[in-house]
Amino acid sequence: VVGIGIHPKSRSRLIAAALAASVLAAAVTAGDRFSERRAVATESDR
């Protein structure tokens, strides 16, 4: 078993990075849904 110890400063950075990645993923998903709805609305109008 390989164990890795994470320094508390690194842990904060890792949590911040994970949080940033989650926010980015949520923004991309929301943007994708908005773009999809907009594309569907545009095509529907056409």
ModelCIF file with pLDDT and N, C-alpha, C, O atoms, coordinates in Angstrom:
data_MODEL
#
_entry.id   MODEL 
#
_entity.id                         1 
_entity.type                       polymer 
_entity.pdbx_number_of_molecules   1 
#
_entity_poly.entity_id                      1 
_entity_poly.type                           'polypeptide(L)' 
_entity_poly.nstd_linkage                   no 
_entity_poly.nstd_monomer                   no 
_entity_poly.pdbx_seq_one_letter_code       VVGIGIHPKSRSRLIAAALAASVLAAAVTAGDRFSERRAVATESDR 
_entity_poly.pdbx_seq_one_letter_code_can   VVGIGIHPKSRSRLIAAALAASVLAAAVTAGDRFSERRAVATESDR 
_entity_poly.pdbx_strand_id                 A 
#
loop_
_entity_poly_seq.entity_id 
_entity_poly_seq.num 
_entity_poly_seq.mon_id 
_entity_poly_seq.hetero 
1 1  VAL n 
1 2  VAL n 
1 3  GLY n 
1 4  ILE n 
1 5  GLY n 
1 6  ILE n 
1 7  HIS n 
1 8  PRO n 
1 9  LYS n 
1 10 SER n 
1 11 ARG n 
1 12 SER n 
1 13 ARG n 
1 14 LEU n 
1 15 ILE n 
1 16 ALA n 
1 17 ALA n 
1 18 ALA n 
1 19 LEU n 
1 20 ALA n 
1 21 ALA n 
1 22 SER n 
1 23 VAL n 
1 24 LEU n 
1 25 ALA n 
1 26 ALA n 
1 27 ALA n 
1 28 VAL n 
1 29 THR n 
1 30 ALA n 
1 31 GLY n 
1 32 ASP n 
1 33 ARG n 
1 34 PHE n 
1 35 SER n 
1 36 GLU n 
1 37 ARG n 
1 38 ARG n 
1 39 ALA n 
1 40 VAL n 
1 41 ALA n 
1 42 THR n 
1 43 GLU n 
1 44 SER n 
1 45 ASP n 
1 46 ARG n 
#
_struct_asym.id          A 
_struct_asym.entity_id   1 
#
loop_
_ma_qa_metric.id 
_ma_qa_metric.mode 
_ma_qa_metric.name 
_ma_qa_metric.software_group_id 
_ma_qa_metric.type 
1 global pLDDT . pLDDT 
2 local  pLDDT . pLDDT 
#
_ma_qa_metric_global.metric_id      1 
_ma_qa_metric_global.metric_value   72.61 
_ma_qa_metric_global.model_id       1 
_ma_qa_metric_global.ordinal_id     1 
#
loop_
_ma_qa_metric_local.label_asym_id 
_ma_qa_metric_local.label_comp_id 
_ma_qa_metric_local.label_seq_id 
_ma_qa_metric_local.metric_id 
_ma_qa_metric_local.metric_value 
_ma_qa_metric_local.model_id 
_ma_qa_metric_local.ordinal_id 
A VAL 1  2 49.00 1 1  
A VAL 2  2 51.00 1 2  
A GLY 3  2 49.00 1 3  
A ILE 4  2 51.00 1 4  
A GLY 5  2 50.00 1 5  
A ILE 6  2 48.00 1 6  
A HIS 7  2 50.00 1 7  
A PRO 8  2 54.00 1 8  
A LYS 9  2 57.00 1 9  
A SER 10 2 58.00 1 10 
A ARG 11 2 60.00 1 11 
A SER 12 2 70.00 1 12 
A ARG 13 2 68.00 1 13 
A LEU 14 2 66.00 1 14 
A ILE 15 2 73.00 1 15 
A ALA 16 2 74.00 1 16 
A ALA 17 2 74.00 1 17 
A ALA 18 2 75.00 1 18 
A LEU 19 2 76.00 1 19 
A ALA 20 2 75.00 1 20 
A ALA 21 2 75.00 1 21 
A SER 22 2 79.00 1 22 
A VAL 23 2 77.00 1 23 
A LEU 24 2 78.00 1 24 
A ALA 25 2 78.00 1 25 
A ALA 26 2 80.00 1 26 
A ALA 27 2 79.00 1 27 
A VAL 28 2 78.00 1 28 
A THR 29 2 81.00 1 29 
A ALA 30 2 77.00 1 30 
A GLY 31 2 78.00 1 31 
A ASP 32 2 78.00 1 32 
A ARG 33 2 79.00 1 33 
A PHE 34 2 79.00 1 34 
A SER 35 2 79.00 1 35 
A GLU 36 2 81.00 1 36 
A ARG 37 2 83.00 1 37 
A ARG 38 2 83.00 1 38 
A ALA 39 2 83.00 1 39 
A VAL 40 2 85.00 1 40 
A ALA 41 2 87.00 1 41 
A THR 42 2 88.00 1 42 
A GLU 43 2 87.00 1 43 
A SER 44 2 87.00 1 44 
A ASP 45 2 87.00 1 45 
A ARG 46 2 86.00 1 46 
#
loop_
_atom_site.group_PDB 
_atom_site.id 
_atom_site.type_symbol 
_atom_site.label_atom_id 
_atom_site.label_alt_id 
_atom_site.label_comp_id 
_atom_site.label_asym_id 
_atom_site.label_entity_id 
_atom_site.label_seq_id 
_atom_site.pdbx_PDB_ins_code 
_atom_site.Cartn_x 
_atom_site.Cartn_y 
_atom_site.Cartn_z 
_atom_site.occupancy 
_atom_site.B_iso_or_equiv 
_atom_site.pdbx_formal_charge 
_atom_site.auth_seq_id 
_atom_site.auth_comp_id 
_atom_site.auth_asym_id 
_atom_site.auth_atom_id 
_atom_site.pdbx_PDB_model_num 
ATOM 1   N N  . VAL A 1 1  ? 0.850   -1.157 0.000   1.00 49.00 ? 1  VAL A N  1 
ATOM 2   C CA . VAL A 1 1  ? 0.000   0.000  0.000   1.00 49.00 ? 1  VAL A CA 1 
ATOM 3   C C  . VAL A 1 1  ? 0.899   1.223  0.000   1.00 49.00 ? 1  VAL A C  1 
ATOM 4   O O  . VAL A 1 1  ? 1.819   1.342  0.810   1.00 49.00 ? 1  VAL A O  1 
ATOM 5   N N  . VAL A 1 2  ? 0.622   2.105  -0.899  1.00 51.00 ? 2  VAL A N  1 
ATOM 6   C CA . VAL A 1 2  ? 1.401   3.325  -0.955  1.00 51.00 ? 2  VAL A CA 1 
ATOM 7   C C  . VAL A 1 2  ? 0.559   4.422  -0.347  1.00 51.00 ? 2  VAL A C  1 
ATOM 8   O O  . VAL A 1 2  ? -0.579  4.621  -0.774  1.00 51.00 ? 2  VAL A O  1 
ATOM 9   N N  . GLY A 1 3  ? 1.048   5.106  0.585   1.00 49.00 ? 3  GLY A N  1 
ATOM 10  C CA . GLY A 1 3  ? 0.344   6.205  1.210   1.00 49.00 ? 3  GLY A CA 1 
ATOM 11  C C  . GLY A 1 3  ? 1.028   7.502  0.847   1.00 49.00 ? 3  GLY A C  1 
ATOM 12  O O  . GLY A 1 3  ? 2.252   7.568  0.739   1.00 49.00 ? 3  GLY A O  1 
ATOM 13  N N  . ILE A 1 4  ? 0.245   8.505  0.664   1.00 51.00 ? 4  ILE A N  1 
ATOM 14  C CA . ILE A 1 4  ? 0.821   9.803  0.348   1.00 51.00 ? 4  ILE A CA 1 
ATOM 15  C C  . ILE A 1 4  ? 0.319   10.779 1.392   1.00 51.00 ? 4  ILE A C  1 
ATOM 16  O O  . ILE A 1 4  ? -0.884  10.892 1.628   1.00 51.00 ? 4  ILE A O  1 
ATOM 17  N N  . GLY A 1 5  ? 1.197   11.441 1.978   1.00 50.00 ? 5  GLY A N  1 
ATOM 18  C CA . GLY A 1 5  ? 0.825   12.447 2.947   1.00 50.00 ? 5  GLY A CA 1 
ATOM 19  C C  . GLY A 1 5  ? 0.788   13.808 2.250   1.00 50.00 ? 5  GLY A C  1 
ATOM 20  O O  . GLY A 1 5  ? 1.686   14.143 1.477   1.00 50.00 ? 5  GLY A O  1 
ATOM 21  N N  . ILE A 1 6  ? -0.223  14.561 2.524   1.00 48.00 ? 6  ILE A N  1 
ATOM 22  C CA . ILE A 1 6  ? -0.351  15.860 1.884   1.00 48.00 ? 6  ILE A CA 1 
ATOM 23  C C  . ILE A 1 6  ? -0.163  16.923 2.951   1.00 48.00 ? 6  ILE A C  1 
ATOM 24  O O  . ILE A 1 6  ? -0.789  16.898 4.011   1.00 48.00 ? 6  ILE A O  1 
ATOM 25  N N  . HIS A 1 7  ? 0.713   17.849 2.635   1.00 50.00 ? 7  HIS A N  1 
ATOM 26  C CA . HIS A 1 7  ? 0.991   18.946 3.541   1.00 50.00 ? 7  HIS A CA 1 
ATOM 27  C C  . HIS A 1 7  ? -0.258  19.815 3.637   1.00 50.00 ? 7  HIS A C  1 
ATOM 28  O O  . HIS A 1 7  ? -0.937  19.986 2.624   1.00 50.00 ? 7  HIS A O  1 
ATOM 29  N N  . PRO A 1 8  ? -0.594  20.365 4.778   1.00 54.00 ? 8  PRO A N  1 
ATOM 30  C CA . PRO A 1 8  ? -1.786  21.180 4.931   1.00 54.00 ? 8  PRO A CA 1 
ATOM 31  C C  . PRO A 1 8  ? -1.876  22.324 3.916   1.00 54.00 ? 8  PRO A C  1 
ATOM 32  O O  . PRO A 1 8  ? -2.972  22.624 3.442   1.00 54.00 ? 8  PRO A O  1 
ATOM 33  N N  . LYS A 1 9  ? -0.754  22.974 3.568   1.00 57.00 ? 9  LYS A N  1 
ATOM 34  C CA . LYS A 1 9  ? -0.792  24.042 2.578   1.00 57.00 ? 9  LYS A CA 1 
ATOM 35  C C  . LYS A 1 9  ? -1.181  23.466 1.213   1.00 57.00 ? 9  LYS A C  1 
ATOM 36  O O  . LYS A 1 9  ? -1.958  24.079 0.480   1.00 57.00 ? 9  LYS A O  1 
ATOM 37  N N  . SER A 1 10 ? -0.650  22.308 0.874   1.00 58.00 ? 10 SER A N  1 
ATOM 38  C CA . SER A 1 10 ? -0.969  21.667 -0.405  1.00 58.00 ? 10 SER A CA 1 
ATOM 39  C C  . SER A 1 10 ? -2.427  21.231 -0.424  1.00 58.00 ? 10 SER A C  1 
ATOM 40  O O  . SER A 1 10 ? -3.102  21.309 -1.450  1.00 58.00 ? 10 SER A O  1 
ATOM 41  N N  . ARG A 1 11 ? -2.900  20.771 0.734   1.00 60.00 ? 11 ARG A N  1 
ATOM 42  C CA . ARG A 1 11 ? -4.295  20.343 0.823   1.00 60.00 ? 11 ARG A CA 1 
ATOM 43  C C  . ARG A 1 11 ? -5.225  21.514 0.525   1.00 60.00 ? 11 ARG A C  1 
ATOM 44  O O  . ARG A 1 11 ? -6.220  21.334 -0.178  1.00 60.00 ? 11 ARG A O  1 
ATOM 45  N N  . SER A 1 12 ? -4.940  22.679 1.028   1.00 70.00 ? 12 SER A N  1 
ATOM 46  C CA . SER A 1 12 ? -5.744  23.870 0.764   1.00 70.00 ? 12 SER A CA 1 
ATOM 47  C C  . SER A 1 12 ? -5.718  24.209 -0.714  1.00 70.00 ? 12 SER A C  1 
ATOM 48  O O  . SER A 1 12 ? -6.736  24.560 -1.310  1.00 70.00 ? 12 SER A O  1 
ATOM 49  N N  . ARG A 1 13 ? -4.531  24.095 -1.293  1.00 68.00 ? 13 ARG A N  1 
ATOM 50  C CA . ARG A 1 13 ? -4.425  24.362 -2.726  1.00 68.00 ? 13 ARG A CA 1 
ATOM 51  C C  . ARG A 1 13 ? -5.216  23.328 -3.527  1.00 68.00 ? 13 ARG A C  1 
ATOM 52  O O  . ARG A 1 13 ? -5.902  23.666 -4.492  1.00 68.00 ? 13 ARG A O  1 
ATOM 53  N N  . LEU A 1 14 ? -5.114  22.096 -3.124  1.00 66.00 ? 14 LEU A N  1 
ATOM 54  C CA . LEU A 1 14 ? -5.831  21.028 -3.819  1.00 66.00 ? 14 LEU A CA 1 
ATOM 55  C C  . LEU A 1 14 ? -7.338  21.218 -3.686  1.00 66.00 ? 14 LEU A C  1 
ATOM 56  O O  . LEU A 1 14 ? -8.068  21.020 -4.658  1.00 66.00 ? 14 LEU A O  1 
ATOM 57  N N  . ILE A 1 15 ? -7.808  21.591 -2.526  1.00 73.00 ? 15 ILE A N  1 
ATOM 58  C CA . ILE A 1 15 ? -9.232  21.848 -2.315  1.00 73.00 ? 15 ILE A CA 1 
ATOM 59  C C  . ILE A 1 15 ? -9.657  23.043 -3.156  1.00 73.00 ? 15 ILE A C  1 
ATOM 60  O O  . ILE A 1 15 ? -10.717 23.019 -3.782  1.00 73.00 ? 15 ILE A O  1 
ATOM 61  N N  . ALA A 1 16 ? -8.828  24.096 -3.175  1.00 74.00 ? 16 ALA A N  1 
ATOM 62  C CA . ALA A 1 16 ? -9.141  25.278 -3.982  1.00 74.00 ? 16 ALA A CA 1 
ATOM 63  C C  . ALA A 1 16 ? -9.183  24.907 -5.460  1.00 74.00 ? 16 ALA A C  1 
ATOM 64  O O  . ALA A 1 16 ? -10.061 25.360 -6.193  1.00 74.00 ? 16 ALA A O  1 
ATOM 65  N N  . ALA A 1 17 ? -8.231  24.081 -5.897  1.00 74.00 ? 17 ALA A N  1 
ATOM 66  C CA . ALA A 1 17 ? -8.191  23.653 -7.298  1.00 74.00 ? 17 ALA A CA 1 
ATOM 67  C C  . ALA A 1 17 ? -9.423  22.804 -7.621  1.00 74.00 ? 17 ALA A C  1 
ATOM 68  O O  . ALA A 1 17 ? -10.023 22.957 -8.685  1.00 74.00 ? 17 ALA A O  1 
ATOM 69  N N  . ALA A 1 18 ? -9.800  21.906 -6.698  1.00 75.00 ? 18 ALA A N  1 
ATOM 70  C CA . ALA A 1 18 ? -10.984 21.067 -6.917  1.00 75.00 ? 18 ALA A CA 1 
ATOM 71  C C  . ALA A 1 18 ? -12.237 21.927 -6.953  1.00 75.00 ? 18 ALA A C  1 
ATOM 72  O O  . ALA A 1 18 ? -13.130 21.708 -7.771  1.00 75.00 ? 18 ALA A O  1 
ATOM 73  N N  . LEU A 1 19 ? -12.296 22.904 -6.061  1.00 76.00 ? 19 LEU A N  1 
ATOM 74  C CA . LEU A 1 19 ? -13.436 23.813 -6.042  1.00 76.00 ? 19 LEU A CA 1 
ATOM 75  C C  . LEU A 1 19 ? -13.486 24.630 -7.333  1.00 76.00 ? 19 LEU A C  1 
ATOM 76  O O  . LEU A 1 19 ? -14.559 24.812 -7.908  1.00 76.00 ? 19 LEU A O  1 
ATOM 77  N N  . ALA A 1 20 ? -12.350 25.116 -7.786  1.00 75.00 ? 20 ALA A N  1 
ATOM 78  C CA . ALA A 1 20 ? -12.282 25.884 -9.037  1.00 75.00 ? 20 ALA A CA 1 
ATOM 79  C C  . ALA A 1 20 ? -12.693 25.005 -10.216 1.00 75.00 ? 20 ALA A C  1 
ATOM 80  O O  . ALA A 1 20 ? -13.405 25.458 -11.112 1.00 75.00 ? 20 ALA A O  1 
ATOM 81  N N  . ALA A 1 21 ? -12.248 23.755 -10.216 1.00 75.00 ? 21 ALA A N  1 
ATOM 82  C CA . ALA A 1 21 ? -12.613 22.830 -11.297 1.00 75.00 ? 21 ALA A CA 1 
ATOM 83  C C  . ALA A 1 21 ? -14.111 22.563 -11.272 1.00 75.00 ? 21 ALA A C  1 
ATOM 84  O O  . ALA A 1 21 ? -14.740 22.472 -12.326 1.00 75.00 ? 21 ALA A O  1 
ATOM 85  N N  . SER A 1 22 ? -14.690 22.435 -10.075 1.00 79.00 ? 22 SER A N  1 
ATOM 86  C CA . SER A 1 22 ? -16.134 22.216 -9.951  1.00 79.00 ? 22 SER A CA 1 
ATOM 87  C C  . SER A 1 22 ? -16.909 23.425 -10.452 1.00 79.00 ? 22 SER A C  1 
ATOM 88  O O  . SER A 1 22 ? -17.900 23.274 -11.167 1.00 79.00 ? 22 SER A O  1 
ATOM 89  N N  . VAL A 1 23 ? -16.466 24.625 -10.083 1.00 77.00 ? 23 VAL A N  1 
ATOM 90  C CA . VAL A 1 23 ? -17.125 25.845 -10.535 1.00 77.00 ? 23 VAL A CA 1 
ATOM 91  C C  . VAL A 1 23 ? -17.012 25.961 -12.049 1.00 77.00 ? 23 VAL A C  1 
ATOM 92  O O  . VAL A 1 23 ? -17.977 26.313 -12.729 1.00 77.00 ? 23 VAL A O  1 
ATOM 93  N N  . LEU A 1 24 ? -15.812 25.658 -12.577 1.00 78.00 ? 24 LEU A N  1 
ATOM 94  C CA . LEU A 1 24 ? -15.601 25.712 -14.019 1.00 78.00 ? 24 LEU A CA 1 
ATOM 95  C C  . LEU A 1 24 ? -16.495 24.699 -14.738 1.00 78.00 ? 24 LEU A C  1 
ATOM 96  O O  . LEU A 1 24 ? -17.096 25.022 -15.763 1.00 78.00 ? 24 LEU A O  1 
ATOM 97  N N  . ALA A 1 25 ? -16.586 23.481 -14.208 1.00 78.00 ? 25 ALA A N  1 
ATOM 98  C CA . ALA A 1 25 ? -17.438 22.455 -14.814 1.00 78.00 ? 25 ALA A CA 1 
ATOM 99  C C  . ALA A 1 25 ? -18.904 22.893 -14.784 1.00 78.00 ? 25 ALA A C  1 
ATOM 100 O O  . ALA A 1 25 ? -19.633 22.696 -15.756 1.00 78.00 ? 25 ALA A O  1 
ATOM 101 N N  . ALA A 1 26 ? -19.334 23.488 -13.664 1.00 80.00 ? 26 ALA A N  1 
ATOM 102 C CA . ALA A 1 26 ? -20.716 23.965 -13.566 1.00 80.00 ? 26 ALA A CA 1 
ATOM 103 C C  . ALA A 1 26 ? -20.956 25.098 -14.561 1.00 80.00 ? 26 ALA A C  1 
ATOM 104 O O  . ALA A 1 26 ? -22.015 25.161 -15.187 1.00 80.00 ? 26 ALA A O  1 
ATOM 105 N N  . ALA A 1 27 ? -19.983 25.986 -14.709 1.00 79.00 ? 27 ALA A N  1 
ATOM 106 C CA . ALA A 1 27 ? -20.127 27.091 -15.662 1.00 79.00 ? 27 ALA A CA 1 
ATOM 107 C C  . ALA A 1 27 ? -20.173 26.579 -17.096 1.00 79.00 ? 27 ALA A C  1 
ATOM 108 O O  . ALA A 1 27 ? -20.972 27.045 -17.909 1.00 79.00 ? 27 ALA A O  1 
ATOM 109 N N  . VAL A 1 28 ? -19.306 25.614 -17.395 1.00 78.00 ? 28 VAL A N  1 
ATOM 110 C CA . VAL A 1 28 ? -19.303 25.038 -18.742 1.00 78.00 ? 28 VAL A CA 1 
ATOM 111 C C  . VAL A 1 28 ? -20.625 24.332 -19.013 1.00 78.00 ? 28 VAL A C  1 
ATOM 112 O O  . VAL A 1 28 ? -21.186 24.470 -20.100 1.00 78.00 ? 28 VAL A O  1 
ATOM 113 N N  . THR A 1 29 ? -21.128 23.579 -18.042 1.00 81.00 ? 29 THR A N  1 
ATOM 114 C CA . THR A 1 29 ? -22.400 22.877 -18.197 1.00 81.00 ? 29 THR A CA 1 
ATOM 115 C C  . THR A 1 29 ? -23.544 23.879 -18.385 1.00 81.00 ? 29 THR A C  1 
ATOM 116 O O  . THR A 1 29 ? -24.388 23.707 -19.265 1.00 81.00 ? 29 THR A O  1 
ATOM 117 N N  . ALA A 1 30 ? -23.563 24.917 -17.559 1.00 77.00 ? 30 ALA A N  1 
ATOM 118 C CA . ALA A 1 30 ? -24.611 25.942 -17.690 1.00 77.00 ? 30 ALA A CA 1 
ATOM 119 C C  . ALA A 1 30 ? -24.493 26.652 -19.035 1.00 77.00 ? 30 ALA A C  1 
ATOM 120 O O  . ALA A 1 30 ? -25.498 26.897 -19.703 1.00 77.00 ? 30 ALA A O  1 
ATOM 121 N N  . GLY A 1 31 ? -23.270 26.979 -19.428 1.00 78.00 ? 31 GLY A N  1 
ATOM 122 C CA . GLY A 1 31 ? -23.060 27.622 -20.726 1.00 78.00 ? 31 GLY A CA 1 
ATOM 123 C C  . GLY A 1 31 ? -23.474 26.718 -21.865 1.00 78.00 ? 31 GLY A C  1 
ATOM 124 O O  . GLY A 1 31 ? -24.056 27.161 -22.855 1.00 78.00 ? 31 GLY A O  1 
ATOM 125 N N  . ASP A 1 32 ? -23.162 25.432 -21.708 1.00 78.00 ? 32 ASP A N  1 
ATOM 126 C CA . ASP A 1 32 ? -23.541 24.462 -22.740 1.00 78.00 ? 32 ASP A CA 1 
ATOM 127 C C  . ASP A 1 32 ? -25.062 24.357 -22.840 1.00 78.00 ? 32 ASP A C  1 
ATOM 128 O O  . ASP A 1 32 ? -25.616 24.328 -23.939 1.00 78.00 ? 32 ASP A O  1 
ATOM 129 N N  . ARG A 1 33 ? -25.729 24.300 -21.698 1.00 79.00 ? 33 ARG A N  1 
ATOM 130 C CA . ARG A 1 33 ? -27.194 24.231 -21.701 1.00 79.00 ? 33 ARG A CA 1 
ATOM 131 C C  . ARG A 1 33 ? -27.796 25.503 -22.291 1.00 79.00 ? 33 ARG A C  1 
ATOM 132 O O  . ARG A 1 33 ? -28.752 25.444 -23.064 1.00 79.00 ? 33 ARG A O  1 
ATOM 133 N N  . PHE A 1 34 ? -27.234 26.650 -21.924 1.00 79.00 ? 34 PHE A N  1 
ATOM 134 C CA . PHE A 1 34 ? -27.712 27.925 -22.476 1.00 79.00 ? 34 PHE A CA 1 
ATOM 135 C C  . PHE A 1 34 ? -27.510 27.944 -23.989 1.00 79.00 ? 34 PHE A C  1 
ATOM 136 O O  . PHE A 1 34 ? -28.406 28.317 -24.746 1.00 79.00 ? 34 PHE A O  1 
ATOM 137 N N  . SER A 1 35 ? -26.322 27.536 -24.411 1.00 79.00 ? 35 SER A N  1 
ATOM 138 C CA . SER A 1 35 ? -26.033 27.504 -25.855 1.00 79.00 ? 35 SER A CA 1 
ATOM 139 C C  . SER A 1 35 ? -26.959 26.530 -26.576 1.00 79.00 ? 35 SER A C  1 
ATOM 140 O O  . SER A 1 35 ? -27.436 26.812 -27.675 1.00 79.00 ? 35 SER A O  1 
ATOM 141 N N  . GLU A 1 36 ? -27.206 25.391 -25.951 1.00 81.00 ? 36 GLU A N  1 
ATOM 142 C CA . GLU A 1 36 ? -28.103 24.400 -26.557 1.00 81.00 ? 36 GLU A CA 1 
ATOM 143 C C  . GLU A 1 36 ? -29.522 24.959 -26.671 1.00 81.00 ? 36 GLU A C  1 
ATOM 144 O O  . GLU A 1 36 ? -30.159 24.840 -27.717 1.00 81.00 ? 36 GLU A O  1 
ATOM 145 N N  . ARG A 1 37 ? -30.012 25.569 -25.588 1.00 83.00 ? 37 ARG A N  1 
ATOM 146 C CA . ARG A 1 37 ? -31.352 26.155 -25.628 1.00 83.00 ? 37 ARG A CA 1 
ATOM 147 C C  . ARG A 1 37 ? -31.432 27.262 -26.670 1.00 83.00 ? 37 ARG A C  1 
ATOM 148 O O  . ARG A 1 37 ? -32.421 27.388 -27.393 1.00 83.00 ? 37 ARG A O  1 
ATOM 149 N N  . ARG A 1 38 ? -30.381 28.054 -26.732 1.00 83.00 ? 38 ARG A N  1 
ATOM 150 C CA . ARG A 1 38 ? -30.358 29.147 -27.712 1.00 83.00 ? 38 ARG A CA 1 
ATOM 151 C C  . ARG A 1 38 ? -30.324 28.592 -29.131 1.00 83.00 ? 38 ARG A C  1 
ATOM 152 O O  . ARG A 1 38 ? -31.009 29.108 -30.015 1.00 83.00 ? 38 ARG A O  1 
ATOM 153 N N  . ALA A 1 39 ? -29.534 27.548 -29.355 1.00 83.00 ? 39 ALA A N  1 
ATOM 154 C CA . ALA A 1 39 ? -29.463 26.924 -30.684 1.00 83.00 ? 39 ALA A CA 1 
ATOM 155 C C  . ALA A 1 39 ? -30.809 26.300 -31.051 1.00 83.00 ? 39 ALA A C  1 
ATOM 156 O O  . ALA A 1 39 ? -31.256 26.416 -32.192 1.00 83.00 ? 39 ALA A O  1 
ATOM 157 N N  . VAL A 1 40 ? -31.448 25.645 -30.097 1.00 85.00 ? 40 VAL A N  1 
ATOM 158 C CA . VAL A 1 40 ? -32.757 25.040 -30.351 1.00 85.00 ? 40 VAL A CA 1 
ATOM 159 C C  . VAL A 1 40 ? -33.787 26.135 -30.644 1.00 85.00 ? 40 VAL A C  1 
ATOM 160 O O  . VAL A 1 40 ? -34.600 25.995 -31.558 1.00 85.00 ? 40 VAL A O  1 
ATOM 161 N N  . ALA A 1 41 ? -33.751 27.207 -29.880 1.00 87.00 ? 41 ALA A N  1 
ATOM 162 C CA . ALA A 1 41 ? -34.695 28.307 -30.107 1.00 87.00 ? 41 ALA A CA 1 
ATOM 163 C C  . ALA A 1 41 ? -34.450 28.943 -31.470 1.00 87.00 ? 41 ALA A C  1 
ATOM 164 O O  . ALA A 1 41 ? -35.399 29.247 -32.192 1.00 87.00 ? 41 ALA A O  1 
ATOM 165 N N  . THR A 1 42 ? -33.187 29.146 -31.825 1.00 88.00 ? 42 THR A N  1 
ATOM 166 C CA . THR A 1 42 ? -32.859 29.732 -33.127 1.00 88.00 ? 42 THR A CA 1 
ATOM 167 C C  . THR A 1 42 ? -33.327 28.828 -34.256 1.00 88.00 ? 42 THR A C  1 
ATOM 168 O O  . THR A 1 42 ? -33.916 29.299 -35.229 1.00 88.00 ? 42 THR A O  1 
ATOM 169 N N  . GLU A 1 43 ? -33.069 27.537 -34.133 1.00 87.00 ? 43 GLU A N  1 
ATOM 170 C CA . GLU A 1 43 ? -33.487 26.577 -35.171 1.00 87.00 ? 43 GLU A CA 1 
ATOM 171 C C  . GLU A 1 43 ? -35.004 26.486 -35.240 1.00 87.00 ? 43 GLU A C  1 
ATOM 172 O O  . GLU A 1 43 ? -35.579 26.380 -36.324 1.00 87.00 ? 43 GLU A O  1 
ATOM 173 N N  . SER A 1 44 ? -35.647 26.529 -34.082 1.00 87.00 ? 44 SER A N  1 
ATOM 174 C CA . SER A 1 44 ? -37.104 26.496 -34.042 1.00 87.00 ? 44 SER A CA 1 
ATOM 175 C C  . SER A 1 44 ? -37.688 27.721 -34.748 1.00 87.00 ? 44 SER A C  1 
ATOM 176 O O  . SER A 1 44 ? -38.647 27.605 -35.510 1.00 87.00 ? 44 SER A O  1 
ATOM 177 N N  . ASP A 1 45 ? -37.105 28.894 -34.491 1.00 87.00 ? 45 ASP A N  1 
ATOM 178 C CA . ASP A 1 45 ? -37.561 30.115 -35.162 1.00 87.00 ? 45 ASP A CA 1 
ATOM 179 C C  . ASP A 1 45 ? -37.345 30.020 -36.666 1.00 87.00 ? 45 ASP A C  1 
ATOM 180 O O  . ASP A 1 45 ? -38.205 30.424 -37.448 1.00 87.00 ? 45 ASP A O  1 
ATOM 181 N N  . ARG A 1 46 ? -36.195 29.486 -37.068 1.00 86.00 ? 46 ARG A N  1 
ATOM 182 C CA . ARG A 1 46 ? -35.885 29.343 -38.493 1.00 86.00 ? 46 ARG A CA 1 
ATOM 183 C C  . ARG A 1 46 ? -36.877 28.394 -39.164 1.00 86.00 ? 46 ARG A C  1 
ATOM 184 O O  . ARG A 1 46 ? -36.778 28.148 -40.366 1.00 86.00 ? 46 ARG A O  1 
#
